[in-house]
Amino acid sequence: MNATTGSEPQIAVSDKALRRHTAAAYGLIGLGVVLGGLGLALIDSGRTTTYRLDQTVDASWTVGTLVVVVTLSVLAALAGAALLLVPKEILQRSDDFLIGGGVAALVIAALSWTVTPGVGFPVEFVLATTLFLALPFIFGALSGVVAERSGVINLGIEGQFLTGAFTAALLASITGNAYIGMLAATLSGVCSTLLLAWLATRFEVNQVVTGIILNLLALGLTGFLYERLMRADGSLNQPATVQKVGDSLGFLADIPILGPVLFDQNIFVYVALACVFAVSFLLFRTRWGLRTRAVGEHPAAADAAGINVNRLRFWNVTAAGALSGFGGAFFTIANNVSFSKNMTAGLGFVALAVMIVGRWHPFGVLTAALLFGFSSALQRFLNTMPGNPIPTEFLGMLPYAVTLVVVAGFIGRAVAPAADGIPYTPGSK
C-alpha cells in the first residue's frame, strides 16, 4: 500500500508536466504559423530592419524584415514540433531549452516587424539597459530565495524596497555620499524585516497577512515622512549618485556589446552579480546552506539533528531584508532620481514572480530577472522610437503583462520548499 501511495503523486505530477509540455508545443506551432502568415500577408517585400551598435563602434546590419519574420516564425514552429517528438523520459531536460528558443525567436521576429524602418534597433543600449533594469528583480528575488529556502514567505519585499529607497535618498542627501545612502538602505531593509522575522518565528502568525500589512505600513510611513521632511525641505531629497566605472576600465568599456553591458555599469550591477554567486555558493556549498535548506524542507528533522529552526529562520529573514533594502537604493541612488511616494510601483511583487520563475535558485533568478529587465528595456526604447505603432499605455503595462504570462507558464512546474510558509513549533513532528 505504501508503494502505491508513494507512486501516485509522481504520476500526477508527470501527467501535469506532460499537459503543459503539449500546450507549449501547440502554442509555439500556432503562434509561429500565425505570425509567419501575417508577415507574408502584410509586410512589404522591400521593407528592411536595421540593427546597430550604438555605443562603441559605428556599425549596423540591415536585413529584410519579411525574411527575418518568416524565418524566425518557422523556427518557432519547428521548436514546437520538436517538443511533440521529445520522448517523455527526457522531457525535463529538453523542454525549457526548446520553449525558451521558440519564444526568443517569436520575440525577435515581432520586434523586427515593430522597429520603424530607418530608425535602427540599438542593440547595445537595450542589452545594457536590460541588465541595469534587472537589478531590483535580482535583489528582491534573492531576498525571497533566502527567506523562503528557510521556510518563511517574504511578501514584504515591496515595503522593503520602499523603505530602502527612502532612507537611501534621505541619508545620501544629508551626507552628500551615495555609499552612506546605500548602507542606510541596507540597514533599513534589515529593520523592516525584523518584525516579520519575529512574528513568524515567535508567534507563528500568518506570513502572507503579515507581509501585506508590512507593505502597507511602509507605504504609509514613507509617504508621511516624505510629506513632513522632503516636501518641506527639498535639500533632503537630492541624493548623491554613483558613477559608471567605464572610464576607469580603459579599453574594456570599448569592446563591442560586452563593453557597455559588463564594463560600463555602476556598482549596483557588480554587487548584484556578486550576490548571485555568493548566495548560490552559500546555499549549496556551506554548512549554513545545508541547514537553511533543511529547515525549509524538513524542519522537524533539522530540529532532531540539533538545529534551532526558528533562530536560523529569524536571522535568515533578517539577512534577506538586507538584500531587498539594498535593492531599494536602486530606485533613487542608482537612477539618480529623487524619492517619490510609491515609486517602486509594485516591482517588489514582480520580484516574487522572478523568484518563482527562477525556481528558488540564484542563477534561475538571474535568468528570470534578465527576462523582465529586457521587457522594461524594450518598453523604454519603443516609447522613444519615432513612428512607434504601439500605444504608450500598452507599453506601460508590458512588464506586468510579461509577469502574468511567464508566471502562468511556470507556476505549475515550480515547486516551493516543502515547509515554506509553515510555522514550526519546536518539538513537533
Protein backbone atom coordinates (compact mmCIF):
# COMPACT_ATOMS: atom_id res chain seq x y z
CA MET A 1 0.00 0.00 0.00
CA ASN A 2 2.82 2.37 0.84
CA ALA A 3 4.48 1.83 -2.53
CA THR A 4 1.22 2.55 -4.34
CA THR A 5 0.54 5.63 -2.29
CA GLY A 6 4.05 6.93 -2.87
CA SER A 7 3.87 6.46 -6.64
CA GLU A 8 0.55 8.23 -7.21
CA PRO A 9 1.78 11.80 -6.67
CA GLN A 10 4.70 11.17 -9.03
CA ILE A 11 2.33 10.03 -11.79
CA ALA A 12 0.08 13.05 -11.23
CA VAL A 13 2.99 15.47 -11.43
CA SER A 14 4.28 13.76 -14.58
CA ASP A 15 0.87 13.98 -16.26
CA LYS A 16 0.57 17.66 -15.36
CA ALA A 17 4.03 18.38 -16.74
CA LEU A 18 3.14 16.50 -19.91
CA ARG A 19 -0.03 18.57 -20.39
CA ARG A 20 1.95 21.80 -20.04
CA HIS A 21 4.60 20.45 -22.37
CA THR A 22 1.97 19.66 -25.02
CA ALA A 23 0.22 23.01 -24.57
CA ALA A 24 3.53 24.84 -25.03
CA ALA A 25 4.26 22.82 -28.15
CA TYR A 26 0.95 23.63 -29.81
CA GLY A 27 1.24 27.26 -28.64
CA LEU A 28 4.61 27.66 -30.38
CA ILE A 29 3.33 25.99 -33.52
CA GLY A 30 0.19 28.14 -33.58
CA LEU A 31 1.98 31.41 -32.89
CA GLY A 32 4.69 30.62 -35.40
CA VAL A 33 2.14 29.85 -38.12
CA VAL A 34 0.03 32.93 -37.34
CA LEU A 35 2.98 35.35 -37.17
CA GLY A 36 4.55 33.93 -40.30
CA GLY A 37 1.26 34.06 -42.16
CA LEU A 38 0.58 37.63 -41.12
CA GLY A 39 4.08 38.56 -42.17
CA LEU A 40 3.59 37.11 -45.64
CA ALA A 41 0.27 38.92 -45.97
CA LEU A 42 1.14 42.33 -44.50
CA ILE A 43 4.89 43.01 -44.76
CA ASP A 44 6.15 44.73 -47.87
CA SER A 45 8.87 42.65 -49.50
CA GLY A 46 11.07 45.74 -49.75
CA ARG A 47 10.86 46.66 -46.06
CA THR A 48 14.07 46.42 -44.03
CA THR A 49 15.06 46.34 -40.38
CA THR A 50 18.35 47.78 -39.12
CA TYR A 51 20.27 46.59 -36.07
CA ARG A 52 23.11 48.83 -34.93
CA LEU A 53 25.86 49.06 -32.35
CA ASP A 54 25.13 52.44 -30.85
CA GLN A 55 27.65 52.93 -28.03
CA THR A 56 31.04 51.57 -29.08
CA VAL A 57 31.55 51.45 -32.85
CA ASP A 58 29.58 52.80 -35.77
CA ALA A 59 28.28 49.55 -37.24
CA SER A 60 24.90 48.39 -38.40
CA TRP A 61 23.26 45.48 -40.20
CA THR A 62 20.22 45.87 -42.43
CA VAL A 63 18.14 42.80 -43.21
CA GLY A 64 14.88 42.16 -44.99
CA THR A 65 12.06 42.32 -42.45
CA LEU A 66 9.94 39.73 -44.25
CA VAL A 67 12.81 37.23 -44.41
CA VAL A 68 13.55 37.65 -40.68
CA VAL A 69 9.91 37.37 -39.58
CA VAL A 70 9.13 34.32 -41.71
CA THR A 71 12.39 32.52 -40.89
CA LEU A 72 12.07 33.03 -37.14
CA SER A 73 8.38 32.10 -37.20
CA VAL A 74 9.27 28.83 -38.93
CA LEU A 75 11.97 28.16 -36.34
CA ALA A 76 9.47 28.76 -33.51
CA ALA A 77 7.00 26.36 -35.13
CA LEU A 78 9.76 23.78 -35.57
CA ALA A 79 10.65 24.13 -31.87
CA GLY A 80 7.02 23.39 -31.05
CA ALA A 81 7.01 20.38 -33.36
CA ALA A 82 10.23 19.13 -31.75
CA LEU A 83 8.54 19.37 -28.35
CA LEU A 84 5.87 16.95 -29.53
CA LEU A 85 8.54 14.49 -30.64
CA VAL A 86 10.60 14.59 -27.44
CA PRO A 87 10.28 11.29 -25.54
CA LYS A 88 8.56 11.64 -22.22
CA GLU A 89 11.53 10.27 -20.26
CA ILE A 90 13.80 13.17 -21.31
CA LEU A 91 11.07 15.80 -21.13
CA GLN A 92 12.55 17.73 -18.20
CA ARG A 93 16.00 18.01 -19.83
CA SER A 94 14.83 19.46 -23.12
CA ASP A 95 11.57 21.37 -22.83
CA ASP A 96 12.98 24.53 -21.24
CA PHE A 97 15.61 24.87 -23.96
CA LEU A 98 13.12 24.36 -26.80
CA ILE A 99 10.44 26.58 -25.26
CA GLY A 100 12.96 29.33 -24.50
CA GLY A 101 14.39 29.16 -28.01
CA GLY A 102 10.95 29.24 -29.60
CA VAL A 103 9.79 32.19 -27.52
CA ALA A 104 13.02 34.08 -28.25
CA ALA A 105 12.51 33.53 -31.98
CA LEU A 106 8.96 34.89 -31.78
CA VAL A 107 10.06 37.93 -29.76
CA ILE A 108 12.85 38.82 -32.20
CA ALA A 109 10.52 38.32 -35.14
CA ALA A 110 7.86 40.59 -33.65
CA LEU A 111 10.49 43.15 -32.67
CA SER A 112 11.95 43.20 -36.18
CA TRP A 113 8.48 43.93 -37.53
CA THR A 114 7.82 46.64 -34.92
CA VAL A 115 11.03 48.67 -35.38
CA THR A 116 10.41 51.65 -37.63
CA PRO A 117 12.30 51.32 -40.94
CA GLY A 118 15.35 53.55 -41.00
CA VAL A 119 15.44 54.04 -37.22
CA GLY A 120 17.58 51.07 -36.26
CA PHE A 121 17.40 48.88 -33.19
CA PRO A 122 20.09 49.95 -30.64
CA VAL A 123 21.47 46.57 -29.61
CA GLU A 124 24.00 47.80 -27.06
CA PHE A 125 21.60 50.24 -25.41
CA VAL A 126 18.89 47.60 -24.99
CA LEU A 127 21.24 44.90 -23.68
CA ALA A 128 22.98 47.26 -21.21
CA THR A 129 19.63 48.63 -20.06
CA THR A 130 18.31 45.08 -19.68
CA LEU A 131 20.99 44.24 -17.13
CA PHE A 132 20.55 47.55 -15.32
CA LEU A 133 16.76 47.30 -15.10
CA ALA A 134 17.03 43.69 -13.91
CA LEU A 135 18.71 44.88 -10.70
CA PRO A 136 15.63 45.35 -8.47
CA PHE A 137 14.34 41.95 -9.55
CA ILE A 138 17.69 40.33 -8.72
CA PHE A 139 17.92 41.86 -5.25
CA GLY A 140 14.25 41.32 -4.43
CA ALA A 141 14.15 37.75 -5.73
CA LEU A 142 17.38 36.82 -3.92
CA SER A 143 15.80 38.17 -0.74
CA GLY A 144 12.84 35.91 -1.39
CA VAL A 145 15.13 32.93 -2.05
CA VAL A 146 17.00 33.31 1.25
CA ALA A 147 13.77 33.72 3.25
CA GLU A 148 11.72 31.02 1.54
CA ARG A 149 14.56 28.50 1.47
CA SER A 150 14.36 28.94 5.25
CA GLY A 151 10.61 28.33 5.28
CA VAL A 152 9.35 31.93 5.65
CA ILE A 153 7.38 33.72 2.93
CA ASN A 154 8.79 37.20 2.44
CA LEU A 155 5.82 39.01 0.93
CA GLY A 156 7.13 42.31 2.26
CA ILE A 157 9.72 42.90 -0.48
CA GLU A 158 7.70 45.80 -1.87
CA GLY A 159 7.77 47.55 1.51
CA GLN A 160 11.47 46.80 1.93
CA PHE A 161 12.11 48.38 -1.47
CA LEU A 162 10.21 51.50 -0.42
CA THR A 163 11.99 51.93 2.90
CA GLY A 164 15.34 51.31 1.21
CA ALA A 165 14.62 53.87 -1.48
CA PHE A 166 13.52 56.46 1.09
CA THR A 167 16.40 56.04 3.52
CA ALA A 168 18.93 55.91 0.67
CA ALA A 169 17.65 59.22 -0.70
CA LEU A 170 17.47 60.86 2.72
CA LEU A 171 20.92 59.86 4.00
CA ALA A 172 22.62 60.37 0.65
CA SER A 173 21.13 63.87 0.53
CA ILE A 174 22.15 64.75 4.09
CA THR A 175 25.71 63.46 3.80
CA GLY A 176 26.32 64.02 0.10
CA ASN A 177 27.69 60.47 -0.02
CA ALA A 178 25.91 57.83 -2.10
CA TYR A 179 27.64 54.97 -0.30
CA ILE A 180 26.29 56.08 3.07
CA GLY A 181 22.85 56.14 1.46
CA MET A 182 23.36 52.59 0.19
CA LEU A 183 24.43 51.42 3.66
CA ALA A 184 21.39 53.14 5.18
CA ALA A 185 19.12 51.40 2.68
CA THR A 186 20.62 48.04 3.65
CA LEU A 187 20.08 48.69 7.37
CA SER A 188 16.52 49.88 6.76
CA GLY A 189 15.81 46.62 4.96
CA VAL A 190 17.12 44.72 7.97
CA CYS A 191 14.94 46.75 10.33
CA SER A 192 11.84 46.34 8.18
CA THR A 193 12.16 42.54 8.17
CA LEU A 194 12.89 42.20 11.88
CA LEU A 195 9.18 42.46 12.65
CA LEU A 196 8.31 39.82 10.02
CA ALA A 197 11.05 37.52 11.33
CA TRP A 198 9.95 38.00 14.95
CA LEU A 199 6.24 37.48 14.31
CA ALA A 200 6.83 34.49 12.01
CA THR A 201 9.14 32.65 14.40
CA ARG A 202 7.98 33.75 17.85
CA PHE A 203 4.20 33.98 17.40
CA GLU A 204 3.72 31.79 14.29
CA VAL A 205 1.47 34.37 12.63
CA ASN A 206 0.18 34.08 9.07
CA GLN A 207 3.17 35.17 7.00
CA VAL A 208 1.17 36.27 3.96
CA VAL A 209 -1.05 38.59 6.01
CA THR A 210 1.96 39.93 7.89
CA GLY A 211 3.81 40.68 4.66
CA ILE A 212 0.85 42.58 3.22
CA ILE A 213 0.44 44.62 6.40
CA LEU A 214 4.16 45.47 6.43
CA ASN A 215 3.91 46.64 2.81
CA LEU A 216 1.04 48.95 3.71
CA LEU A 217 2.93 50.17 6.77
CA ALA A 218 5.99 51.00 4.65
CA LEU A 219 3.81 52.77 2.07
CA GLY A 220 2.14 54.91 4.72
CA LEU A 221 5.29 55.62 6.73
CA THR A 222 7.45 56.63 3.77
CA GLY A 223 4.60 58.75 2.39
CA PHE A 224 4.18 60.51 5.75
CA LEU A 225 7.92 61.15 6.15
CA TYR A 226 8.16 62.32 2.55
CA GLU A 227 5.47 64.93 3.15
CA ARG A 228 6.89 66.08 6.50
CA LEU A 229 10.59 66.07 5.60
CA MET A 230 11.29 66.08 1.89
CA ARG A 231 8.41 68.25 0.73
CA ALA A 232 9.22 70.76 3.45
CA ASP A 233 12.94 70.83 2.65
CA GLY A 234 13.90 69.92 -0.90
CA SER A 235 17.57 69.60 0.02
CA LEU A 236 16.69 66.37 1.84
CA ASN A 237 15.62 64.80 -1.44
CA GLN A 238 18.60 65.43 -3.68
CA PRO A 239 20.54 62.18 -3.28
CA ALA A 240 24.10 61.81 -4.47
CA THR A 241 24.57 59.10 -7.06
CA VAL A 242 27.26 56.66 -8.18
CA GLN A 243 29.02 56.97 -11.49
CA LYS A 244 29.67 54.30 -14.07
CA VAL A 245 33.06 52.61 -13.97
CA GLY A 246 33.69 52.61 -17.72
CA ASP A 247 36.25 55.44 -17.65
CA SER A 248 38.42 53.59 -15.13
CA LEU A 249 38.43 50.30 -17.09
CA GLY A 250 40.05 51.69 -20.21
CA PHE A 251 39.68 49.62 -23.37
CA LEU A 252 37.31 47.11 -21.73
CA ALA A 253 34.43 49.58 -21.94
CA ASP A 254 35.06 49.96 -25.67
CA ILE A 255 34.61 46.28 -26.54
CA PRO A 256 31.55 45.99 -28.79
CA ILE A 257 28.46 44.72 -26.94
CA LEU A 258 30.40 43.36 -23.93
CA GLY A 259 31.81 46.77 -23.06
CA PRO A 260 28.52 48.63 -22.49
CA VAL A 261 26.84 45.58 -20.96
CA LEU A 262 29.50 44.44 -18.48
CA PHE A 263 32.19 47.11 -18.20
CA ASP A 264 30.32 50.41 -18.29
CA GLN A 265 27.82 49.97 -15.47
CA ASN A 266 27.63 51.34 -11.94
CA ILE A 267 28.46 49.49 -8.74
CA PHE A 268 24.91 48.18 -8.29
CA VAL A 269 25.38 45.82 -11.26
CA TYR A 270 28.54 44.29 -9.85
CA VAL A 271 27.08 43.95 -6.36
CA ALA A 272 24.03 42.18 -7.82
CA LEU A 273 26.14 39.71 -9.82
CA ALA A 274 28.38 39.11 -6.80
CA CYS A 275 25.29 38.44 -4.66
CA VAL A 276 24.02 35.86 -7.15
CA PHE A 277 27.29 33.91 -6.98
CA ALA A 278 27.63 34.39 -3.22
CA VAL A 279 24.10 33.24 -2.36
CA SER A 280 24.45 30.23 -4.68
CA PHE A 281 27.74 29.23 -3.09
CA LEU A 282 26.46 29.72 0.44
CA LEU A 283 23.24 27.81 -0.18
CA PHE A 284 24.77 24.77 -1.87
CA ARG A 285 28.38 24.63 -0.68
CA THR A 286 28.37 25.55 3.02
CA ARG A 287 27.08 24.18 6.31
CA TRP A 288 24.83 27.23 6.67
CA GLY A 289 23.26 26.49 3.31
CA LEU A 290 22.68 22.85 4.20
CA ARG A 291 20.99 23.86 7.44
CA THR A 292 18.95 26.55 5.72
CA ARG A 293 17.64 24.12 3.14
CA ALA A 294 16.95 21.59 5.89
CA VAL A 295 14.76 23.95 7.93
CA GLY A 296 12.94 24.94 4.74
CA GLU A 297 12.23 21.38 3.68
CA HIS A 298 12.12 19.25 6.85
CA PRO A 299 12.19 21.43 9.97
CA ALA A 300 11.32 18.54 12.30
CA ALA A 301 14.31 16.52 11.03
CA ALA A 302 16.53 19.59 11.34
CA ASP A 303 15.29 20.10 14.91
CA ALA A 304 16.05 16.47 15.73
CA ALA A 305 19.56 17.00 14.37
CA GLY A 306 20.12 19.82 16.87
CA ILE A 307 19.41 22.84 14.66
CA ASN A 308 17.47 25.67 16.28
CA VAL A 309 14.93 26.04 13.47
CA ASN A 310 13.28 29.29 14.48
CA ARG A 311 16.52 31.03 15.38
CA LEU A 312 18.02 30.18 11.98
CA ARG A 313 14.83 31.33 10.26
CA PHE A 314 14.87 34.60 12.20
CA TRP A 315 18.41 35.54 11.17
CA ASN A 316 17.96 34.36 7.60
CA VAL A 317 14.87 36.51 7.13
CA THR A 318 16.76 39.44 8.61
CA ALA A 319 19.61 38.86 6.13
CA ALA A 320 17.06 38.65 3.34
CA GLY A 321 15.86 42.11 4.31
CA ALA A 322 19.39 43.46 3.80
CA LEU A 323 19.29 42.31 0.17
CA SER A 324 15.90 43.86 -0.61
CA GLY A 325 16.75 47.01 1.34
CA PHE A 326 19.89 47.49 -0.73
CA GLY A 327 17.78 46.86 -3.82
CA GLY A 328 15.59 49.76 -2.74
CA ALA A 329 18.54 52.12 -3.21
CA PHE A 330 18.36 51.27 -6.92
CA PHE A 331 15.22 53.36 -7.28
CA THR A 332 16.90 56.55 -6.09
CA ILE A 333 20.70 56.43 -5.99
CA ALA A 334 21.33 54.12 -8.95
CA ASN A 335 18.84 56.01 -11.13
CA ASN A 336 19.94 59.45 -9.87
CA VAL A 337 16.35 60.47 -9.08
CA SER A 338 14.60 61.90 -6.04
CA PHE A 339 12.31 59.82 -3.87
CA SER A 340 8.58 59.95 -4.57
CA LYS A 341 5.67 58.22 -2.92
CA ASN A 342 5.06 54.62 -4.04
CA MET A 343 7.88 54.93 -6.58
CA THR A 344 8.53 51.18 -6.54
CA ALA A 345 5.20 50.69 -8.39
CA GLY A 346 4.67 47.06 -7.41
CA LEU A 347 8.06 45.82 -8.58
CA GLY A 348 8.52 44.04 -5.26
CA PHE A 349 5.69 41.71 -6.23
CA VAL A 350 7.24 41.23 -9.66
CA ALA A 351 10.43 40.20 -7.82
CA LEU A 352 8.41 37.45 -6.15
CA ALA A 353 7.34 36.28 -9.60
CA VAL A 354 11.00 36.30 -10.67
CA MET A 355 11.82 34.10 -7.65
CA ILE A 356 9.13 31.60 -8.67
CA VAL A 357 10.18 31.55 -12.33
CA GLY A 358 13.77 31.12 -11.16
CA ARG A 359 12.64 28.15 -9.05
CA TRP A 360 14.16 29.45 -5.82
CA HIS A 361 17.69 29.18 -7.26
CA PRO A 362 20.05 32.19 -7.50
CA PHE A 363 21.08 31.53 -11.11
CA GLY A 364 17.49 30.83 -12.09
CA VAL A 365 16.64 34.18 -10.50
CA LEU A 366 19.33 35.90 -12.61
CA THR A 367 17.94 34.40 -15.82
CA ALA A 368 14.35 35.32 -14.96
CA ALA A 369 15.35 38.83 -13.87
CA LEU A 370 17.06 39.42 -17.22
CA LEU A 371 13.82 38.45 -18.97
CA PHE A 372 11.86 41.04 -17.01
CA GLY A 373 14.66 43.56 -17.42
CA PHE A 374 14.51 43.04 -21.18
CA SER A 375 10.78 43.75 -21.23
CA SER A 376 11.40 47.01 -19.34
CA ALA A 377 14.30 47.99 -21.62
CA LEU A 378 12.16 47.26 -24.66
CA GLN A 379 9.43 49.45 -23.23
CA ARG A 380 11.88 52.35 -22.86
CA PHE A 381 13.15 52.01 -26.42
CA LEU A 382 9.73 51.72 -28.04
CA ASN A 383 8.39 54.69 -26.06
CA THR A 384 11.02 56.93 -27.65
CA MET A 385 11.12 55.34 -31.11
CA PRO A 386 9.82 57.62 -33.89
CA GLY A 387 6.77 56.19 -35.58
CA ASN A 388 6.07 53.75 -32.75
CA PRO A 389 2.87 51.85 -33.72
CA ILE A 390 2.18 50.56 -30.18
CA PRO A 391 0.16 52.76 -27.78
CA THR A 392 2.19 54.04 -24.85
CA GLU A 393 -0.49 52.80 -22.43
CA PHE A 394 0.13 49.24 -23.58
CA LEU A 395 3.88 49.67 -23.31
CA GLY A 396 3.45 50.89 -19.74
CA MET A 397 1.86 47.61 -18.75
CA LEU A 398 4.31 45.46 -20.72
CA PRO A 399 6.45 44.33 -17.72
CA TYR A 400 3.34 43.35 -15.78
CA ALA A 401 1.84 41.54 -18.77
CA VAL A 402 5.09 39.59 -19.08
CA THR A 403 4.78 38.74 -15.38
CA LEU A 404 1.32 37.23 -15.87
CA VAL A 405 2.29 35.26 -18.97
CA VAL A 406 5.54 33.88 -17.58
CA VAL A 407 4.17 33.00 -14.14
CA ALA A 408 1.17 31.30 -15.76
CA GLY A 409 3.60 29.15 -17.71
CA PHE A 410 5.95 28.34 -14.82
CA ILE A 411 3.90 28.38 -11.63
CA GLY A 412 2.68 24.81 -12.08
CA ARG A 413 6.18 23.47 -12.62
CA ALA A 414 7.92 25.43 -9.87
CA VAL A 415 7.94 23.61 -6.54
CA ALA A 416 8.47 25.70 -3.42
CA PRO A 417 10.39 24.39 -0.38
CA ALA A 418 8.16 21.90 1.41
CA ALA A 419 7.89 23.88 4.65
CA ASP A 420 7.60 27.29 3.00
CA GLY A 421 5.14 29.46 4.95
CA ILE A 422 4.50 26.80 7.62
CA PRO A 423 5.32 27.94 11.18
CA TYR A 424 7.32 25.47 13.23
CA THR A 425 6.81 24.67 16.90
CA PRO A 426 9.94 23.18 18.48
CA GLY A 427 9.48 19.51 19.30
CA SER A 428 6.61 18.99 16.83
CA LYS A 429 6.67 16.37 14.11
